[in-house]
């Protein structure tokens, strides 16, 4: 009898392991807009004794004219999240929508960089600041950045701002003049900037990273950058949503010239039947209060009918990032 029980227990544990081995610890989806989990473009900061995550939320199913907006959730452990606010259109230039937030903490305030959305080639980067991380005051010079030059279409989305070599680097996605391929660019501002429009200057009159690998398709976007020693590491999304989109990594010594670390994705989409089989995309690399590094990303398995945000711990071995094994 004991042998039979042991066999049944072993079978149960085997099945449970098979079913849940690929389920991440964190699965966050805001259901307030569509009635199903739908959250994209995560960005996390540590502020005010907790973690705040900013993310894109879709138009209300009953009020589509409101466009995409930004949700805010908080957590103590980077696993369990509770929604605590939204950032909705206030200014005239935001009326078609705002989304894809990036944030940094400076002098006790959260600085949010986001895009206006729904304007095609006129989409641009905006800036707002908050003393509590929830309520934001818009920059009077908004939109603060759109690129110039013949190498792009004039559009700027997916802002990422980091301080490096005594200046601020603004990474953004644009498109080629034909509005077909999504590409990355970079601008800089001085250390004493208020992030106003007049402070930003293109650091390269060309794309710093554009799709060339088969898995990158026609798109590179969603750059997220972390400093490790004297180098910057960029985690980026390759291919448009659900092609599938996957995550790659590039490295740079000066913030302008970038070299891919591999020809294959760092974080691929899941296998058939897994929660992220349609994509693992739009990454955010984040250093927690205890020094550990986490890669936040969006995913789904139904070609975009739902969207979840999850994270995966990243280890560093001899200057190279590695995904921490699940077990």
Protein backbone atom coordinates (compact mmCIF):
# COMPACT_ATOMS: atom_id res chain seq x y z
CA UNK A 1 0.00 0.00 0.00
CA UNK A 2 2.81 2.37 0.89
CA UNK A 3 4.48 1.58 -2.42
CA UNK A 4 1.27 2.43 -4.30
CA UNK A 5 0.94 5.74 -2.45
CA UNK A 6 4.57 6.51 -3.21
CA UNK A 7 4.01 5.82 -6.91
CA UNK A 8 0.91 8.05 -7.03
CA UNK A 9 2.75 10.82 -5.17
CA UNK A 10 5.67 10.58 -7.57
CA UNK A 11 3.34 10.81 -10.56
CA UNK A 12 1.57 13.83 -9.03
CA UNK A 13 4.85 15.64 -8.42
CA UNK A 14 6.07 14.87 -11.93
CA UNK A 15 2.86 16.21 -13.51
CA UNK A 16 2.85 19.29 -11.28
CA UNK A 17 6.45 20.03 -12.17
CA UNK A 18 5.69 19.67 -15.87
CA UNK A 19 2.69 21.96 -15.62
CA UNK A 20 4.24 24.70 -13.54
CA UNK A 21 7.95 24.59 -14.28
CA UNK A 22 7.61 27.37 -16.83
CA UNK A 23 5.22 29.52 -14.82
CA UNK A 24 7.01 32.61 -13.51
CA UNK A 25 6.67 33.84 -9.96
CA UNK A 26 5.28 37.19 -11.15
CA UNK A 27 2.27 37.45 -13.45
CA UNK A 28 0.67 40.90 -13.45
CA UNK A 29 -2.20 41.97 -15.68
CA UNK A 30 -4.42 45.05 -15.26
CA UNK A 31 -8.04 44.09 -15.99
CA UNK A 32 -9.57 47.55 -15.49
CA UNK A 33 -9.73 48.55 -19.16
CA UNK A 34 -10.80 45.47 -21.10
CA UNK A 35 -11.97 43.05 -18.42
CA UNK A 36 -9.03 40.76 -19.17
CA UNK A 37 -5.36 41.08 -18.14
CA UNK A 38 -3.78 43.72 -20.39
CA UNK A 39 -0.54 45.45 -19.33
CA UNK A 40 2.48 46.32 -21.46
CA UNK A 41 5.80 48.22 -21.48
CA UNK A 42 6.92 47.85 -17.82
CA UNK A 43 9.37 50.16 -16.07
CA UNK A 44 10.21 49.89 -12.37
CA UNK A 45 11.82 52.24 -9.83
CA UNK A 46 12.51 52.02 -6.11
CA UNK A 47 10.91 55.03 -4.45
CA UNK A 48 9.40 55.91 -1.09
CA UNK A 49 10.10 52.57 0.56
CA UNK A 50 8.45 50.47 -2.14
CA UNK A 51 8.78 49.58 -5.80
CA UNK A 52 6.66 51.41 -8.35
CA UNK A 53 5.94 49.95 -11.76
CA UNK A 54 4.73 52.14 -14.62
CA UNK A 55 3.11 50.37 -17.57
CA UNK A 56 0.91 50.94 -20.61
CA UNK A 57 -2.82 50.24 -20.42
CA UNK A 58 -5.13 50.13 -23.47
CA UNK A 59 -8.18 52.28 -24.22
CA UNK A 60 -11.34 51.55 -22.25
CA UNK A 61 -13.46 49.07 -24.18
CA UNK A 62 -16.41 51.49 -23.80
CA UNK A 63 -14.36 54.68 -24.31
CA UNK A 64 -11.82 54.00 -27.08
CA UNK A 65 -11.35 57.71 -27.79
CA UNK A 66 -9.32 58.04 -24.60
CA UNK A 67 -6.46 56.13 -26.17
CA UNK A 68 -3.64 54.34 -24.38
CA UNK A 69 -2.76 55.55 -20.87
CA UNK A 70 -0.26 54.68 -18.12
CA UNK A 71 -0.99 52.55 -15.07
CA UNK A 72 0.92 52.55 -11.78
CA UNK A 73 1.35 49.57 -9.45
CA UNK A 74 3.34 49.13 -6.25
CA UNK A 75 5.09 46.18 -4.63
CA UNK A 76 7.30 45.33 -1.67
CA UNK A 77 8.81 42.18 -3.16
CA UNK A 78 8.79 42.60 -6.98
CA UNK A 79 6.39 39.65 -7.21
CA UNK A 80 3.03 40.78 -5.85
CA UNK A 81 1.73 44.03 -7.33
CA UNK A 82 -1.28 46.21 -6.59
CA UNK A 83 -2.50 48.98 -8.87
CA UNK A 84 -2.39 52.38 -7.17
CA UNK A 85 -3.02 54.91 -9.90
CA UNK A 86 -3.20 56.00 -13.52
CA UNK A 87 -1.76 58.78 -15.63
CA UNK A 88 -4.42 59.98 -18.05
CA UNK A 89 -4.38 62.74 -20.69
CA UNK A 90 -4.33 66.29 -19.34
CA UNK A 91 -2.57 68.43 -21.92
CA UNK A 92 -3.87 68.98 -25.44
CA UNK A 93 -0.92 67.12 -26.97
CA UNK A 94 -1.86 64.00 -24.95
CA UNK A 95 -5.47 63.73 -26.04
CA UNK A 96 -4.95 60.83 -28.45
CA UNK A 97 -3.09 58.86 -25.80
CA UNK A 98 0.13 58.46 -23.82
CA UNK A 99 2.07 55.31 -22.97
CA UNK A 100 5.43 53.44 -22.92
CA UNK A 101 6.77 55.01 -19.71
CA UNK A 102 10.39 55.16 -18.60
CA UNK A 103 11.39 56.61 -15.24
CA UNK A 104 14.32 57.60 -13.05
CA UNK A 105 14.65 58.94 -9.52
CA UNK A 106 16.63 62.15 -9.01
CA UNK A 107 16.78 64.42 -5.94
CA UNK A 108 13.87 62.67 -4.26
CA UNK A 109 11.49 62.90 -7.22
CA UNK A 110 10.37 60.56 -9.97
CA UNK A 111 11.02 61.80 -13.47
CA UNK A 112 8.78 60.11 -16.03
CA UNK A 113 9.55 59.99 -19.75
CA UNK A 114 6.67 58.86 -21.92
CA UNK A 115 5.39 59.10 -25.45
CA UNK A 116 2.30 60.63 -26.89
CA UNK A 117 0.63 58.02 -29.05
CA UNK A 118 -1.72 57.89 -32.00
CA UNK A 119 -0.08 60.67 -34.01
CA UNK A 120 1.96 58.57 -36.42
CA UNK A 121 5.15 60.36 -37.44
CA UNK A 122 4.42 63.10 -34.90
CA UNK A 123 4.59 60.85 -31.84
CA UNK A 124 7.18 62.36 -29.48
CA UNK A 125 8.77 62.03 -26.04
CA UNK A 126 7.36 63.99 -23.10
CA UNK A 127 8.51 64.51 -19.51
CA UNK A 128 6.74 64.89 -16.16
CA UNK A 129 7.89 64.97 -12.54
CA UNK A 130 6.35 63.76 -9.28
CA UNK A 131 7.09 64.12 -5.56
CA UNK A 132 5.05 61.03 -4.62
CA UNK A 133 5.45 58.84 -7.71
CA UNK A 134 1.70 58.92 -8.39
CA UNK A 135 0.73 62.48 -9.32
CA UNK A 136 2.77 64.13 -12.07
CA UNK A 137 3.34 67.68 -13.24
CA UNK A 138 3.98 68.06 -16.96
CA UNK A 139 7.08 69.75 -18.33
CA UNK A 140 6.13 73.14 -19.78
CA UNK A 141 8.30 72.49 -22.85
CA UNK A 142 6.56 69.21 -23.80
CA UNK A 143 7.01 67.42 -26.08
CA UNK A 144 10.68 67.50 -25.16
CA UNK A 145 12.12 65.46 -28.02
CA UNK A 146 11.65 64.41 -31.63
CA UNK A 147 14.59 63.43 -33.85
CA UNK A 148 15.77 65.30 -36.92
CA UNK A 149 17.78 64.05 -39.89
CA UNK A 150 17.13 62.06 -43.04
CA UNK A 151 17.76 58.69 -41.38
CA UNK A 152 14.43 58.67 -39.51
CA UNK A 153 10.76 59.59 -39.97
CA UNK A 154 10.67 62.23 -37.20
CA UNK A 155 8.98 59.97 -34.66
CA UNK A 156 10.24 59.19 -31.12
CA UNK A 157 8.78 56.53 -28.82
CA UNK A 158 9.93 54.11 -26.06
CA UNK A 159 12.05 56.54 -24.03
CA UNK A 160 14.84 55.30 -21.78
CA UNK A 161 17.00 57.81 -19.87
CA UNK A 162 20.21 56.96 -18.00
CA UNK A 163 23.06 59.03 -16.52
CA UNK A 164 26.46 58.03 -17.90
CA UNK A 165 29.79 59.83 -18.38
CA UNK A 166 28.49 63.07 -16.80
CA UNK A 167 25.47 63.42 -19.07
CA UNK A 168 22.01 61.99 -19.60
CA UNK A 169 21.44 59.63 -22.51
CA UNK A 170 17.96 59.40 -24.01
CA UNK A 171 17.42 56.23 -26.01
CA UNK A 172 14.37 56.15 -28.25
CA UNK A 173 12.81 54.16 -31.07
CA UNK A 174 11.94 55.74 -34.40
CA UNK A 175 11.29 54.43 -37.90
CA UNK A 176 13.09 54.74 -41.18
CA UNK A 177 11.85 57.41 -43.64
CA UNK A 178 9.61 54.82 -45.33
CA UNK A 179 7.95 54.16 -41.95
CA UNK A 180 8.60 50.45 -42.25
CA UNK A 181 11.50 49.48 -40.00
CA UNK A 182 11.68 50.35 -36.30
CA UNK A 183 15.16 51.58 -35.32
CA UNK A 184 16.95 53.06 -32.30
CA UNK A 185 18.51 56.49 -31.80
CA UNK A 186 20.12 58.42 -28.94
CA UNK A 187 20.23 62.01 -27.70
CA UNK A 188 22.08 63.57 -24.77
CA UNK A 189 21.57 66.38 -22.26
CA UNK A 190 23.97 67.95 -19.72
CA UNK A 191 24.17 66.80 -16.10
CA UNK A 192 22.38 69.92 -14.80
CA UNK A 193 19.44 69.54 -17.19
CA UNK A 194 15.81 70.03 -16.22
CA UNK A 195 15.04 67.69 -19.13
CA UNK A 196 13.60 70.59 -21.12
CA UNK A 197 13.31 70.48 -24.89
CA UNK A 198 16.22 72.83 -25.54
CA UNK A 199 18.65 70.63 -23.59
CA UNK A 200 18.51 67.58 -25.86
CA UNK A 201 20.90 67.09 -28.78
CA UNK A 202 21.17 64.10 -31.09
CA UNK A 203 24.34 62.22 -30.19
CA UNK A 204 24.44 60.37 -33.50
CA UNK A 205 23.00 61.44 -36.84
CA UNK A 206 22.11 57.85 -37.66
CA UNK A 207 20.52 54.82 -36.06
CA UNK A 208 22.60 53.24 -33.29
CA UNK A 209 20.89 49.84 -33.65
CA UNK A 210 18.66 48.58 -36.44
CA UNK A 211 17.28 45.13 -37.30
CA UNK A 212 19.68 42.86 -39.18
CA UNK A 213 19.29 39.42 -37.58
CA UNK A 214 16.52 37.07 -38.78
CA UNK A 215 14.79 36.97 -35.39
CA UNK A 216 14.75 40.81 -35.22
CA UNK A 217 12.45 41.00 -38.25
CA UNK A 218 11.82 44.64 -39.15
CA UNK A 219 11.93 46.09 -35.65
CA UNK A 220 14.21 46.98 -32.78
CA UNK A 221 12.52 48.93 -29.97
CA UNK A 222 11.99 49.12 -26.21
CA UNK A 223 15.63 49.74 -25.24
CA UNK A 224 16.42 49.42 -21.52
CA UNK A 225 19.94 50.20 -20.37
CA UNK A 226 21.94 49.34 -17.25
CA UNK A 227 25.45 50.32 -16.23
CA UNK A 228 27.87 47.62 -15.11
CA UNK A 229 31.36 48.93 -14.39
CA UNK A 230 32.52 51.06 -17.29
CA UNK A 231 30.06 49.64 -19.80
CA UNK A 232 26.40 49.99 -20.65
CA UNK A 233 24.28 46.95 -21.44
CA UNK A 234 21.16 47.39 -23.53
CA UNK A 235 18.29 44.93 -23.39
CA UNK A 236 16.14 45.51 -26.45
CA UNK A 237 13.07 44.05 -28.16
CA UNK A 238 13.52 42.51 -31.60
CA UNK A 239 10.65 42.11 -34.11
CA UNK A 240 7.18 43.63 -33.93
CA UNK A 241 4.64 42.38 -31.39
CA UNK A 242 3.82 38.67 -31.63
CA UNK A 243 6.08 37.98 -34.66
CA UNK A 244 7.23 36.82 -32.00
CA UNK A 245 9.02 39.66 -30.26
CA UNK A 246 12.03 38.51 -28.23
CA UNK A 247 14.77 40.17 -26.17
CA UNK A 248 18.39 40.71 -27.20
CA UNK A 249 21.39 42.33 -25.51
CA UNK A 250 24.02 44.76 -26.80
CA UNK A 251 27.00 46.37 -25.04
CA UNK A 252 28.70 49.76 -25.35
CA UNK A 253 31.66 51.60 -23.86
CA UNK A 254 30.51 55.10 -24.85
CA UNK A 255 26.70 54.85 -24.98
CA UNK A 256 26.63 55.51 -28.73
CA UNK A 257 28.37 52.62 -30.49
CA UNK A 258 26.74 49.28 -29.67
CA UNK A 259 27.72 45.67 -30.32
CA UNK A 260 25.35 42.72 -30.01
CA UNK A 261 26.45 40.10 -27.49
CA UNK A 262 24.86 37.24 -29.41
CA UNK A 263 23.10 36.42 -32.67
CA UNK A 264 20.31 34.64 -30.81
CA UNK A 265 17.75 36.08 -28.35
CA UNK A 266 18.78 36.46 -24.71
CA UNK A 267 15.16 35.89 -23.66
CA UNK A 268 13.15 34.01 -26.31
CA UNK A 269 9.41 33.58 -26.49
CA UNK A 270 7.99 30.50 -24.81
CA UNK A 271 7.26 27.13 -26.34
CA UNK A 272 3.81 26.23 -27.66
CA UNK A 273 1.34 26.09 -24.77
CA UNK A 274 3.41 28.27 -22.43
CA UNK A 275 2.12 31.61 -21.18
CA UNK A 276 4.52 33.62 -23.38
CA UNK A 277 4.47 31.52 -26.54
CA UNK A 278 3.39 34.55 -28.63
CA UNK A 279 6.22 36.73 -27.36
CA UNK A 280 8.60 37.84 -24.63
CA UNK A 281 9.02 41.52 -25.34
CA UNK A 282 9.56 45.15 -24.38
CA UNK A 283 12.17 44.55 -21.63
CA UNK A 284 13.14 46.62 -18.61
CA UNK A 285 16.35 45.79 -16.76
CA UNK A 286 16.19 46.78 -13.10
CA UNK A 287 18.50 46.66 -10.08
CA UNK A 288 16.64 45.93 -6.84
CA UNK A 289 17.48 47.38 -3.42
CA UNK A 290 19.45 44.25 -2.52
CA UNK A 291 21.63 44.55 -5.63
CA UNK A 292 19.98 41.74 -7.60
CA UNK A 293 19.08 42.37 -11.23
CA UNK A 294 15.67 41.59 -12.72
CA UNK A 295 14.50 41.64 -16.32
CA UNK A 296 10.87 42.73 -16.57
CA UNK A 297 9.07 41.98 -19.82
CA UNK A 298 5.63 41.55 -21.40
CA UNK A 299 4.21 38.36 -22.83
CA UNK A 300 1.12 36.48 -23.96
CA UNK A 301 0.07 33.26 -25.68
CA UNK A 302 -2.94 34.47 -27.67
CA UNK A 303 -1.44 36.88 -30.22
CA UNK A 304 -2.17 39.95 -28.12
CA UNK A 305 -5.69 39.35 -26.83
CA UNK A 306 -4.19 39.57 -23.34
CA UNK A 307 -0.86 40.88 -22.02
CA UNK A 308 0.94 39.99 -18.82
CA UNK A 309 4.05 41.48 -17.23
CA UNK A 310 6.55 39.19 -15.56
CA UNK A 311 10.20 39.25 -14.50
CA UNK A 312 13.19 36.95 -14.49
CA UNK A 313 16.31 37.33 -12.37
CA UNK A 314 19.53 38.03 -14.28
CA UNK A 315 22.94 36.90 -13.04
CA UNK A 316 26.26 38.38 -14.15
CA UNK A 317 29.21 36.14 -14.97
CA UNK A 318 32.49 37.76 -16.07
CA UNK A 319 30.68 40.84 -17.34
CA UNK A 320 28.00 38.90 -19.19
CA UNK A 321 24.32 38.63 -18.25
CA UNK A 322 22.70 35.22 -17.82
CA UNK A 323 19.16 34.22 -16.97
CA UNK A 324 19.02 32.58 -13.55
CA UNK A 325 17.94 28.94 -13.86
CA UNK A 326 14.40 28.23 -12.69
CA UNK A 327 15.61 25.48 -10.32
